[in-house]
Amino acid sequence: MYDCALFDIDGVLVDIRKSYNAAIKKTVAFMIRKFTERTFRGLVTDQIVLKFRQTGGFNNDTDTSYAITLAMLANPQKNAVEGRRFLAKVAENADESGIDSVEKYLGSFGVEKWKRKLAYPAPVSDSMLARVFDELFYGPELFRRQNLLAPKYSRGARPLIKNDRLVVSRQTMKQLDTMFSGKLAVVSGRSRLAADYSLGPIMKYFDPVASVFLENEKREHAKPNTFAIKHAMEAMNARTAAYAGDSAEDLLMARRAEKELGVKIDFVGIYGYSAEPEKIAAGFRKQGVVTIASINQLPRTLRARR
């Protein structure tokens, strides 16, 4: 039925609620404490992170950390409750342009001073925020391998990538490998290093030439840009694909790719590893998308569509 299958990693193959989400929370806390000496216990929740991701412009979790930090520095709040209300409003006014839309919304709060201090987006070597995020997520050893730098801010912290939970089973991967004759590829915002670490033994099922790891690519190629899908499908000489994703960026990218490339992509929405599973499922269904709770249901779902 399809020439190939494409997969996001975060929220699809791996449950990231205690890894990437935790990195956002800890990075924001570090940066606010650094610049204001204030602590907002419980400020950033999984629900706040989800609100930013649902805009279609925050596939990059360092971007989310920056947007939340910038908002709290530009318009300080009295406590965590008021902070969450303000952050929800910021997210409601964000769109697929991501941090650009947040900076525009915050323009009336004297945001330029904080933009200069945060120096983002910039390479990890030039941005404290980007460096803190990577140090927290990767831990000392992987941080050195990924960035060729020694850690400065979190040398003793447990690497949050260790909290990644692989949710796709080997049996599922074997079934998909057989169904698609080996034409499987990852289309992910992660780095190749982070993918290798967390996917471990199932990495062998994905075509290494067709797979795209956007953290290693130019920033303008980030989702929902169609670069990753175009590369993957061209590498596998595919005109049709099933794509398993969990976010607004994934769906938007797939639909744009259909129009731009003249290909057919059936999107399958994965919702079981979200902070609000039923809300995500309802949103996908409203868009006419087939939804499943777990990637392990994909082989059966695809067979039923034949």
C-alpha atoms as a PDB file:
ATOM      1  CA  MET A   1       0.000   0.000   0.000  1.00  0.00           C
ATOM      2  CA  TYR A   2       2.960   2.343   0.698  1.00  0.00           C
ATOM      3  CA  ASP A   3       6.495   2.581  -0.645  1.00  0.00           C
ATOM      4  CA  CYS A   4       7.985   3.419   2.762  1.00  0.00           C
ATOM      5  CA  ALA A   5       7.278   4.338   6.382  1.00  0.00           C
ATOM      6  CA  LEU A   6       8.588   7.401   8.213  1.00  0.00           C
ATOM      7  CA  PHE A   7       8.816   7.900  11.970  1.00  0.00           C
ATOM      8  CA  ASP A   8       9.277  10.767  14.365  1.00  0.00           C
ATOM      9  CA  ILE A   9      11.172   9.642  17.462  1.00  0.00           C
ATOM     10  CA  ASP A  10      10.022  11.789  20.367  1.00  0.00           C
ATOM     11  CA  GLY A  11       6.546  10.875  21.541  1.00  0.00           C
ATOM     12  CA  VAL A  12       6.374   8.079  18.956  1.00  0.00           C
ATOM     13  CA  LEU A  13       9.229   5.613  19.389  1.00  0.00           C
ATOM     14  CA  VAL A  14      10.403   7.106  22.702  1.00  0.00           C
ATOM     15  CA  ASP A  15       8.487   8.524  25.662  1.00  0.00           C
ATOM     16  CA  ILE A  16      10.250  11.821  26.443  1.00  0.00           C
ATOM     17  CA  ARG A  17       8.117  13.184  29.268  1.00  0.00           C
ATOM     18  CA  LYS A  18      10.888  12.606  31.827  1.00  0.00           C
ATOM     19  CA  SER A  19      13.776  13.529  29.532  1.00  0.00           C
ATOM     20  CA  TYR A  20      13.234  16.354  27.040  1.00  0.00           C
ATOM     21  CA  ASN A  21      10.333  17.822  29.032  1.00  0.00           C
ATOM     22  CA  ALA A  22      12.462  17.717  32.160  1.00  0.00           C
ATOM     23  CA  ALA A  23      15.321  19.432  30.297  1.00  0.00           C
ATOM     24  CA  ILE A  24      12.989  22.315  29.398  1.00  0.00           C
ATOM     25  CA  LYS A  25      11.865  22.702  33.019  1.00  0.00           C
ATOM     26  CA  LYS A  26      15.393  22.578  34.438  1.00  0.00           C
ATOM     27  CA  THR A  27      16.832  24.921  31.805  1.00  0.00           C
ATOM     28  CA  VAL A  28      14.137  27.541  32.438  1.00  0.00           C
ATOM     29  CA  ALA A  29      14.644  27.280  36.208  1.00  0.00           C
ATOM     30  CA  PHE A  30      18.429  27.652  35.817  1.00  0.00           C
ATOM     31  CA  MET A  31      18.177  30.695  33.551  1.00  0.00           C
ATOM     32  CA  ILE A  32      15.561  32.538  35.638  1.00  0.00           C
ATOM     33  CA  ARG A  33      17.571  31.923  38.805  1.00  0.00           C
ATOM     34  CA  LYS A  34      20.733  33.092  37.042  1.00  0.00           C
ATOM     35  CA  PHE A  35      19.282  36.439  35.980  1.00  0.00           C
ATOM     36  CA  THR A  36      16.769  37.190  38.759  1.00  0.00           C
ATOM     37  CA  GLU A  37      17.812  35.012  41.732  1.00  0.00           C
ATOM     38  CA  ARG A  38      14.176  33.904  41.912  1.00  0.00           C
ATOM     39  CA  THR A  39      12.754  30.391  41.979  1.00  0.00           C
ATOM     40  CA  PHE A  40       9.293  29.475  40.715  1.00  0.00           C
ATOM     41  CA  ARG A  41       8.552  25.964  41.924  1.00  0.00           C
ATOM     42  CA  GLY A  42       6.413  24.058  39.425  1.00  0.00           C
ATOM     43  CA  LEU A  43       6.356  26.927  36.912  1.00  0.00           C
ATOM     44  CA  VAL A  44       6.761  24.830  33.769  1.00  0.00           C
ATOM     45  CA  THR A  45       4.405  21.881  33.521  1.00  0.00           C
ATOM     46  CA  ASP A  46       3.993  19.272  30.802  1.00  0.00           C
ATOM     47  CA  GLN A  47       0.757  21.059  29.885  1.00  0.00           C
ATOM     48  CA  ILE A  48       2.596  24.363  29.317  1.00  0.00           C
ATOM     49  CA  VAL A  49       5.176  22.593  27.143  1.00  0.00           C
ATOM     50  CA  LEU A  50       2.345  20.974  25.187  1.00  0.00           C
ATOM     51  CA  LYS A  51       0.683  24.342  24.547  1.00  0.00           C
ATOM     52  CA  PHE A  52       3.852  25.579  22.837  1.00  0.00           C
ATOM     53  CA  ARG A  53       4.262  22.364  20.834  1.00  0.00           C
ATOM     54  CA  GLN A  54       0.675  22.568  19.596  1.00  0.00           C
ATOM     55  CA  THR A  55       1.388  25.877  17.856  1.00  0.00           C
ATOM     56  CA  GLY A  56       3.358  24.072  15.149  1.00  0.00           C
ATOM     57  CA  GLY A  57       6.500  26.132  15.752  1.00  0.00           C
ATOM     58  CA  PHE A  58       8.188  24.443  18.705  1.00  0.00           C
ATOM     59  CA  ASN A  59       9.546  21.087  17.597  1.00  0.00           C
ATOM     60  CA  ASN A  60      12.904  22.224  19.007  1.00  0.00           C
ATOM     61  CA  ASP A  61      12.812  21.981  22.806  1.00  0.00           C
ATOM     62  CA  THR A  62      15.640  24.477  23.247  1.00  0.00           C
ATOM     63  CA  ASP A  63      13.406  26.959  21.405  1.00  0.00           C
ATOM     64  CA  THR A  64      10.659  26.203  23.930  1.00  0.00           C
ATOM     65  CA  SER A  65      13.093  26.781  26.808  1.00  0.00           C
ATOM     66  CA  TYR A  66      14.080  30.111  25.280  1.00  0.00           C
ATOM     67  CA  ALA A  67      10.491  31.254  24.679  1.00  0.00           C
ATOM     68  CA  ILE A  68       9.440  30.494  28.259  1.00  0.00           C
ATOM     69  CA  THR A  69      12.570  32.042  29.769  1.00  0.00           C
ATOM     70  CA  LEU A  70      12.241  35.168  27.632  1.00  0.00           C
ATOM     71  CA  ALA A  71       8.586  35.586  28.596  1.00  0.00           C
ATOM     72  CA  MET A  72       9.309  35.320  32.316  1.00  0.00           C
ATOM     73  CA  LEU A  73      12.270  37.705  32.161  1.00  0.00           C
ATOM     74  CA  ALA A  74      10.510  40.286  30.001  1.00  0.00           C
ATOM     75  CA  ASN A  75       7.329  40.320  32.094  1.00  0.00           C
ATOM     76  CA  PRO A  76       8.125  39.027  35.610  1.00  0.00           C
ATOM     77  CA  GLN A  77       5.263  37.374  37.455  1.00  0.00           C
ATOM     78  CA  LYS A  78       4.553  37.265  41.195  1.00  0.00           C
ATOM     79  CA  ASN A  79       4.395  33.490  41.522  1.00  0.00           C
ATOM     80  CA  ALA A  80       4.233  30.226  39.580  1.00  0.00           C
ATOM     81  CA  VAL A  81       0.446  30.297  39.221  1.00  0.00           C
ATOM     82  CA  GLU A  82       0.473  33.728  37.596  1.00  0.00           C
ATOM     83  CA  GLY A  83       3.498  32.665  35.589  1.00  0.00           C
ATOM     84  CA  ARG A  84       1.657  29.688  34.104  1.00  0.00           C
ATOM     85  CA  ARG A  85      -1.298  31.896  33.195  1.00  0.00           C
ATOM     86  CA  PHE A  86       0.984  34.314  31.396  1.00  0.00           C
ATOM     87  CA  LEU A  87       2.882  31.532  29.629  1.00  0.00           C
ATOM     88  CA  ALA A  88      -0.406  30.017  28.441  1.00  0.00           C
ATOM     89  CA  LYS A  89      -1.304  33.406  26.956  1.00  0.00           C
ATOM     90  CA  VAL A  90       2.094  33.637  25.245  1.00  0.00           C
ATOM     91  CA  ALA A  91       1.602  30.167  23.758  1.00  0.00           C
ATOM     92  CA  GLU A  92      -1.900  31.099  22.550  1.00  0.00           C
ATOM     93  CA  ASN A  93      -0.363  33.976  20.595  1.00  0.00           C
ATOM     94  CA  ALA A  94       2.459  31.884  19.110  1.00  0.00           C
ATOM     95  CA  ASP A  95       2.294  30.212  15.715  1.00  0.00           C
ATOM     96  CA  GLU A  96       4.341  28.041  13.373  1.00  0.00           C
ATOM     97  CA  SER A  97       7.038  30.733  13.141  1.00  0.00           C
ATOM     98  CA  GLY A  98       8.022  29.670  16.677  1.00  0.00           C
ATOM     99  CA  ILE A  99      10.314  31.987  18.620  1.00  0.00           C
ATOM    100  CA  ASP A 100       9.786  34.802  16.105  1.00  0.00           C
ATOM    101  CA  SER A 101       6.089  34.895  17.010  1.00  0.00           C
ATOM    102  CA  VAL A 102       6.895  34.894  20.735  1.00  0.00           C
ATOM    103  CA  GLU A 103       9.420  37.718  20.391  1.00  0.00           C
ATOM    104  CA  LYS A 104       6.847  39.703  18.423  1.00  0.00           C
ATOM    105  CA  TYR A 105       4.153  39.164  21.054  1.00  0.00           C
ATOM    106  CA  LEU A 106       6.547  40.171  23.842  1.00  0.00           C
ATOM    107  CA  GLY A 107       7.723  43.256  21.966  1.00  0.00           C
ATOM    108  CA  SER A 108       5.816  45.658  24.202  1.00  0.00           C
ATOM    109  CA  PHE A 109       7.531  44.326  27.334  1.00  0.00           C
ATOM    110  CA  GLY A 110      11.000  45.664  26.549  1.00  0.00           C
ATOM    111  CA  VAL A 111      12.234  42.322  25.330  1.00  0.00           C
ATOM    112  CA  GLU A 112      15.325  43.490  23.418  1.00  0.00           C
ATOM    113  CA  LYS A 113      17.485  43.644  26.546  1.00  0.00           C
ATOM    114  CA  TRP A 114      16.745  40.015  27.355  1.00  0.00           C
ATOM    115  CA  LYS A 115      17.184  38.840  23.780  1.00  0.00           C
ATOM    116  CA  ARG A 116      20.728  40.225  23.881  1.00  0.00           C
ATOM    117  CA  LYS A 117      21.464  38.594  27.235  1.00  0.00           C
ATOM    118  CA  LEU A 118      20.105  35.195  26.193  1.00  0.00           C
ATOM    119  CA  ALA A 119      21.905  35.324  22.818  1.00  0.00           C
ATOM    120  CA  TYR A 120      19.620  32.773  21.211  1.00  0.00           C
ATOM    121  CA  PRO A 121      19.467  31.179  18.727  1.00  0.00           C
ATOM    122  CA  ALA A 122      23.207  30.706  18.597  1.00  0.00           C
ATOM    123  CA  PRO A 123      25.634  27.786  18.741  1.00  0.00           C
ATOM    124  CA  VAL A 124      26.066  26.085  22.103  1.00  0.00           C
ATOM    125  CA  SER A 125      29.509  27.695  22.377  1.00  0.00           C
ATOM    126  CA  ASP A 126      27.935  31.180  22.226  1.00  0.00           C
ATOM    127  CA  SER A 127      24.611  30.796  24.060  1.00  0.00           C
ATOM    128  CA  MET A 128      24.401  30.015  27.763  1.00  0.00           C
ATOM    129  CA  LEU A 129      20.806  28.840  27.403  1.00  0.00           C
ATOM    130  CA  ALA A 130      21.592  26.441  24.569  1.00  0.00           C
ATOM    131  CA  ARG A 131      24.604  25.142  26.464  1.00  0.00           C
ATOM    132  CA  VAL A 132      22.688  24.600  29.708  1.00  0.00           C
ATOM    133  CA  PHE A 133      19.972  22.692  27.862  1.00  0.00           C
ATOM    134  CA  ASP A 134      22.438  20.387  26.118  1.00  0.00           C
ATOM    135  CA  GLU A 135      24.477  19.800  29.269  1.00  0.00           C
ATOM    136  CA  LEU A 136      21.364  18.843  31.214  1.00  0.00           C
ATOM    137  CA  PHE A 137      19.985  16.595  28.503  1.00  0.00           C
ATOM    138  CA  TYR A 138      23.139  14.861  27.274  1.00  0.00           C
ATOM    139  CA  GLY A 139      25.225  14.757  30.445  1.00  0.00           C
ATOM    140  CA  PRO A 140      29.021  15.322  30.464  1.00  0.00           C
ATOM    141  CA  GLU A 141      30.153  12.451  28.238  1.00  0.00           C
ATOM    142  CA  LEU A 142      27.581  12.805  25.472  1.00  0.00           C
ATOM    143  CA  PHE A 143      27.764  16.613  25.671  1.00  0.00           C
ATOM    144  CA  ARG A 144      31.486  16.441  24.873  1.00  0.00           C
ATOM    145  CA  ARG A 145      30.822  14.091  21.946  1.00  0.00           C
ATOM    146  CA  GLN A 146      27.977  16.172  20.565  1.00  0.00           C
ATOM    147  CA  ASN A 147      29.507  19.644  20.969  1.00  0.00           C
ATOM    148  CA  LEU A 148      33.261  19.050  21.334  1.00  0.00           C
ATOM    149  CA  LEU A 149      33.198  21.156  24.501  1.00  0.00           C
ATOM    150  CA  ALA A 150      33.682  20.511  28.198  1.00  0.00           C
ATOM    151  CA  PRO A 151      30.595  21.001  30.388  1.00  0.00           C
ATOM    152  CA  LYS A 152      30.474  24.161  32.533  1.00  0.00           C
ATOM    153  CA  TYR A 153      27.137  24.306  34.314  1.00  0.00           C
ATOM    154  CA  SER A 154      25.928  20.812  35.195  1.00  0.00           C
ATOM    155  CA  ARG A 155      28.924  18.537  35.650  1.00  0.00           C
ATOM    156  CA  GLY A 156      27.383  16.459  38.409  1.00  0.00           C
ATOM    157  CA  ALA A 157      23.821  16.209  37.104  1.00  0.00           C
ATOM    158  CA  ARG A 158      22.352  12.898  35.957  1.00  0.00           C
ATOM    159  CA  PRO A 159      21.948  13.023  32.137  1.00  0.00           C
ATOM    160  CA  LEU A 160      18.257  13.465  31.423  1.00  0.00           C
ATOM    161  CA  ILE A 161      18.582  11.408  28.228  1.00  0.00           C
ATOM    162  CA  LYS A 162      18.842   8.421  30.571  1.00  0.00           C
ATOM    163  CA  ASN A 163      15.154   8.991  31.351  1.00  0.00           C
ATOM    164  CA  ASP A 164      14.138   8.333  27.743  1.00  0.00           C
ATOM    165  CA  ARG A 165      11.875   5.281  27.586  1.00  0.00           C
ATOM    166  CA  LEU A 166      11.877   3.203  24.413  1.00  0.00           C
ATOM    167  CA  VAL A 167       8.244   2.295  23.775  1.00  0.00           C
ATOM    168  CA  VAL A 168       8.359   0.561  20.405  1.00  0.00           C
ATOM    169  CA  SER A 169       8.932  -3.188  20.691  1.00  0.00           C
ATOM    170  CA  ARG A 170      11.348  -5.285  18.661  1.00  0.00           C
ATOM    171  CA  GLN A 171       8.405  -7.365  17.487  1.00  0.00           C
ATOM    172  CA  THR A 172       6.746  -4.251  16.057  1.00  0.00           C
ATOM    173  CA  MET A 173       9.937  -3.240  14.281  1.00  0.00           C
ATOM    174  CA  LYS A 174      10.336  -6.720  12.798  1.00  0.00           C
ATOM    175  CA  GLN A 175       6.757  -6.609  11.508  1.00  0.00           C
ATOM    176  CA  LEU A 176       7.225  -3.157   9.980  1.00  0.00           C
ATOM    177  CA  ASP A 177      10.560  -4.157   8.463  1.00  0.00           C
ATOM    178  CA  THR A 178       8.847  -7.072   6.716  1.00  0.00           C
ATOM    179  CA  MET A 179       5.808  -5.023   5.634  1.00  0.00           C
ATOM    180  CA  PHE A 180       7.947  -2.315   4.021  1.00  0.00           C
ATOM    181  CA  SER A 181      10.831  -4.494   2.785  1.00  0.00           C
ATOM    182  CA  GLY A 182      13.265  -2.547   4.911  1.00  0.00           C
ATOM    183  CA  LYS A 183      12.175   0.897   3.674  1.00  0.00           C
ATOM    184  CA  LEU A 184      11.918   2.574   7.073  1.00  0.00           C
ATOM    185  CA  ALA A 185      13.400   5.963   7.987  1.00  0.00           C
ATOM    186  CA  VAL A 186      13.511   8.324  10.937  1.00  0.00           C
ATOM    187  CA  VAL A 187      12.522  11.966  10.443  1.00  0.00           C
ATOM    188  CA  SER A 188      13.414  13.530  13.787  1.00  0.00           C
ATOM    189  CA  GLY A 189      14.385  16.787  15.422  1.00  0.00           C
ATOM    190  CA  ARG A 190      17.003  14.912  17.446  1.00  0.00           C
ATOM    191  CA  SER A 191      20.701  14.605  16.796  1.00  0.00           C
ATOM    192  CA  ARG A 192      22.026  11.345  15.404  1.00  0.00           C
ATOM    193  CA  LEU A 193      23.893  10.842  18.684  1.00  0.00           C
ATOM    194  CA  ALA A 194      20.721  11.143  20.780  1.00  0.00           C
ATOM    195  CA  ALA A 195      18.849   8.834  18.414  1.00  0.00           C
ATOM    196  CA  ASP A 196      21.561   6.178  18.569  1.00  0.00           C
ATOM    197  CA  TYR A 197      21.622   6.365  22.364  1.00  0.00           C
ATOM    198  CA  SER A 198      17.883   6.045  22.942  1.00  0.00           C
ATOM    199  CA  LEU A 199      16.861   3.757  20.082  1.00  0.00           C
ATOM    200  CA  GLY A 200      19.717   1.359  20.735  1.00  0.00           C
ATOM    201  CA  PRO A 201      19.073  -2.063  19.204  1.00  0.00           C
ATOM    202  CA  ILE A 202      16.190  -0.961  16.971  1.00  0.00           C
ATOM    203  CA  MET A 203      18.307   1.651  15.177  1.00  0.00           C
ATOM    204  CA  LYS A 204      19.391  -1.067  12.761  1.00  0.00           C
ATOM    205  CA  TYR A 205      15.912  -1.147  11.232  1.00  0.00           C
ATOM    206  CA  PHE A 206      16.138   2.408   9.866  1.00  0.00           C
ATOM    207  CA  ASP A 207      17.812   3.297   6.587  1.00  0.00           C
ATOM    208  CA  PRO A 208      20.870   5.372   7.648  1.00  0.00           C
ATOM    209  CA  VAL A 209      21.007   7.259   4.344  1.00  0.00           C
ATOM    210  CA  ALA A 210      17.301   8.121   4.243  1.00  0.00           C
ATOM    211  CA  SER A 211      16.985   9.043   7.926  1.00  0.00           C
ATOM    212  CA  VAL A 212      17.231  12.716   8.928  1.00  0.00           C
ATOM    213  CA  PHE A 213      18.326  14.078  12.317  1.00  0.00           C
ATOM    214  CA  LEU A 214      17.470  17.758  12.213  1.00  0.00           C
ATOM    215  CA  GLU A 215      19.626  18.836  15.150  1.00  0.00           C
ATOM    216  CA  ASN A 216      22.550  18.075  12.850  1.00  0.00           C
ATOM    217  CA  GLU A 217      21.084  20.094   9.962  1.00  0.00           C
ATOM    218  CA  LYS A 218      20.726  23.814   9.267  1.00  0.00           C
ATOM    219  CA  ARG A 219      18.182  25.558  11.459  1.00  0.00           C
ATOM    220  CA  GLU A 220      16.002  26.546   8.485  1.00  0.00           C
ATOM    221  CA  HIS A 221      15.400  22.841   7.774  1.00  0.00           C
ATOM    222  CA  ALA A 222      13.550  22.329  11.069  1.00  0.00           C
ATOM    223  CA  LYS A 223       9.983  21.039  11.080  1.00  0.00           C
ATOM    224  CA  PRO A 224       7.518  21.945   9.616  1.00  0.00           C
ATOM    225  CA  ASN A 225       9.905  22.567   6.692  1.00  0.00           C
ATOM    226  CA  THR A 226       9.562  19.677   4.226  1.00  0.00           C
ATOM    227  CA  PHE A 227      13.328  19.157   3.859  1.00  0.00           C
ATOM    228  CA  ALA A 228      13.429  16.006   6.001  1.00  0.00           C
ATOM    229  CA  ILE A 229      10.519  14.239   4.274  1.00  0.00           C
ATOM    230  CA  LYS A 230      11.839  15.184   0.853  1.00  0.00           C
ATOM    231  CA  HIS A 231      15.264  13.778   1.656  1.00  0.00           C
ATOM    232  CA  ALA A 232      13.889  10.567   3.138  1.00  0.00           C
ATOM    233  CA  MET A 233      11.470   9.794   0.323  1.00  0.00           C
ATOM    234  CA  GLU A 234      13.949  10.631  -2.423  1.00  0.00           C
ATOM    235  CA  ALA A 235      16.605   8.443  -0.785  1.00  0.00           C
ATOM    236  CA  MET A 236      14.185   5.508  -0.785  1.00  0.00           C
ATOM    237  CA  ASN A 237      12.764   6.330  -4.235  1.00  0.00           C
ATOM    238  CA  ALA A 238       9.288   6.522  -2.679  1.00  0.00           C
ATOM    239  CA  ARG A 239       6.142   8.226  -3.927  1.00  0.00           C
ATOM    240  CA  THR A 240       3.861   7.079  -1.104  1.00  0.00           C
ATOM    241  CA  ALA A 241       4.488   6.877   2.638  1.00  0.00           C
ATOM    242  CA  ALA A 242       2.910   6.196   6.001  1.00  0.00           C
ATOM    243  CA  TYR A 243       4.193   8.691   8.563  1.00  0.00           C
ATOM    244  CA  ALA A 244       3.841   8.215  12.339  1.00  0.00           C
ATOM    245  CA  GLY A 245       4.080  11.475  14.272  1.00  0.00           C
ATOM    246  CA  ASP A 246       2.792  13.017  17.477  1.00  0.00           C
ATOM    247  CA  SER A 247       2.779  16.771  16.916  1.00  0.00           C
ATOM    248  CA  ALA A 248       1.291  19.648  14.985  1.00  0.00           C
ATOM    249  CA  GLU A 249       4.654  20.146  13.260  1.00  0.00           C
ATOM    250  CA  ASP A 250       4.657  16.548  12.041  1.00  0.00           C
ATOM    251  CA  LEU A 251       1.165  16.811  10.560  1.00  0.00           C
ATOM    252  CA  LEU A 252       1.807  20.213   9.012  1.00  0.00           C
ATOM    253  CA  MET A 253       5.074  19.001   7.483  1.00  0.00           C
ATOM    254  CA  ALA A 254       3.422  15.901   6.016  1.00  0.00           C
ATOM    255  CA  ARG A 255       0.585  17.870   4.443  1.00  0.00           C
ATOM    256  CA  ARG A 256       2.929  20.489   3.043  1.00  0.00           C
ATOM    257  CA  ALA A 257       5.125  17.766   1.583  1.00  0.00           C
ATOM    258  CA  GLU A 258       2.159  16.251  -0.239  1.00  0.00           C
ATOM    259  CA  LYS A 259       1.482  19.574  -1.964  1.00  0.00           C
ATOM    260  CA  GLU A 260       5.081  20.575  -2.609  1.00  0.00           C
ATOM    261  CA  LEU A 261       6.408  17.202  -3.735  1.00  0.00           C
ATOM    262  CA  GLY A 262       3.304  15.698  -5.325  1.00  0.00           C
ATOM    263  CA  VAL A 263       3.528  12.603  -3.128  1.00  0.00           C
ATOM    264  CA  LYS A 264       0.974  10.733  -1.017  1.00  0.00           C
ATOM    265  CA  ILE A 265       1.537  10.613   2.740  1.00  0.00           C
ATOM    266  CA  ASP A 266      -0.914   9.001   5.145  1.00  0.00           C
ATOM    267  CA  PHE A 267      -0.312  10.498   8.576  1.00  0.00           C
ATOM    268  CA  VAL A 268      -0.952   8.408  11.687  1.00  0.00           C
ATOM    269  CA  GLY A 269      -1.191  10.398  14.919  1.00  0.00           C
ATOM    270  CA  ILE A 270       0.344   8.862  18.056  1.00  0.00           C
ATOM    271  CA  TYR A 271      -1.129  10.281  21.243  1.00  0.00           C
ATOM    272  CA  GLY A 272      -0.426   7.923  24.147  1.00  0.00           C
ATOM    273  CA  TYR A 273       2.825   9.538  25.333  1.00  0.00           C
ATOM    274  CA  SER A 274       1.506  13.092  25.531  1.00  0.00           C
ATOM    275  CA  ALA A 275       0.801  15.093  28.675  1.00  0.00           C
ATOM    276  CA  GLU A 276      -2.870  15.184  27.603  1.00  0.00           C
ATOM    277  CA  PRO A 277      -3.474  12.081  25.454  1.00  0.00           C
ATOM    278  CA  GLU A 278      -7.195  12.482  24.876  1.00  0.00           C
ATOM    279  CA  LYS A 279      -6.827  16.134  23.933  1.00  0.00           C
ATOM    280  CA  ILE A 280      -4.158  15.292  21.374  1.00  0.00           C
ATOM    281  CA  ALA A 281      -6.236  12.410  19.987  1.00  0.00           C
ATOM    282  CA  ALA A 282      -9.287  14.674  19.625  1.00  0.00           C
ATOM    283  CA  GLY A 283      -7.197  17.302  17.839  1.00  0.00           C
ATOM    284  CA  PHE A 284      -5.863  14.756  15.367  1.00  0.00           C
ATOM    285  CA  ARG A 285      -9.319  13.329  14.715  1.00  0.00           C
ATOM    286  CA  LYS A 286     -10.625  16.833  14.041  1.00  0.00           C
ATOM    287  CA  GLN A 287      -8.003  17.051  11.297  1.00  0.00           C
ATOM    288  CA  GLY A 288      -9.226  13.773   9.815  1.00  0.00           C
ATOM    289  CA  VAL A 289      -6.188  11.857  11.009  1.00  0.00           C
ATOM    290  CA  VAL A 290      -6.100   8.169  11.965  1.00  0.00           C
ATOM    291  CA  THR A 291      -5.026   8.026  15.614  1.00  0.00           C
ATOM    292  CA  ILE A 292      -3.525   5.278  17.751  1.00  0.00           C
ATOM    293  CA  ALA A 293      -2.327   5.317  21.346  1.00  0.00           C
ATOM    294  CA  SER A 294       0.899   3.391  20.736  1.00  0.00           C
ATOM    295  CA  ILE A 295       3.274   2.859  17.853  1.00  0.00           C
ATOM    296  CA  ASN A 296       2.942  -0.858  18.562  1.00  0.00           C
ATOM    297  CA  GLN A 297      -0.571  -0.685  17.094  1.00  0.00           C
ATOM    298  CA  LEU A 298       0.749   0.573  13.749  1.00  0.00           C
ATOM    299  CA  PRO A 299       1.215  -2.759  11.903  1.00  0.00           C
ATOM    300  CA  ARG A 300      -2.368  -3.814  12.650  1.00  0.00           C
ATOM    301  CA  THR A 301      -3.704  -0.348  11.759  1.00  0.00           C
ATOM    302  CA  LEU A 302      -1.930  -0.304   8.406  1.00  0.00           C
ATOM    303  CA  ARG A 303      -3.091  -3.814   7.538  1.00  0.00           C
ATOM    304  CA  ALA A 304      -6.685  -2.749   8.247  1.00  0.00           C
ATOM    305  CA  ARG A 305      -6.341   0.101   5.720  1.00  0.00           C
ATOM    306  CA  ARG A 306      -5.403  -2.180   2.831  1.00  0.00           C
END
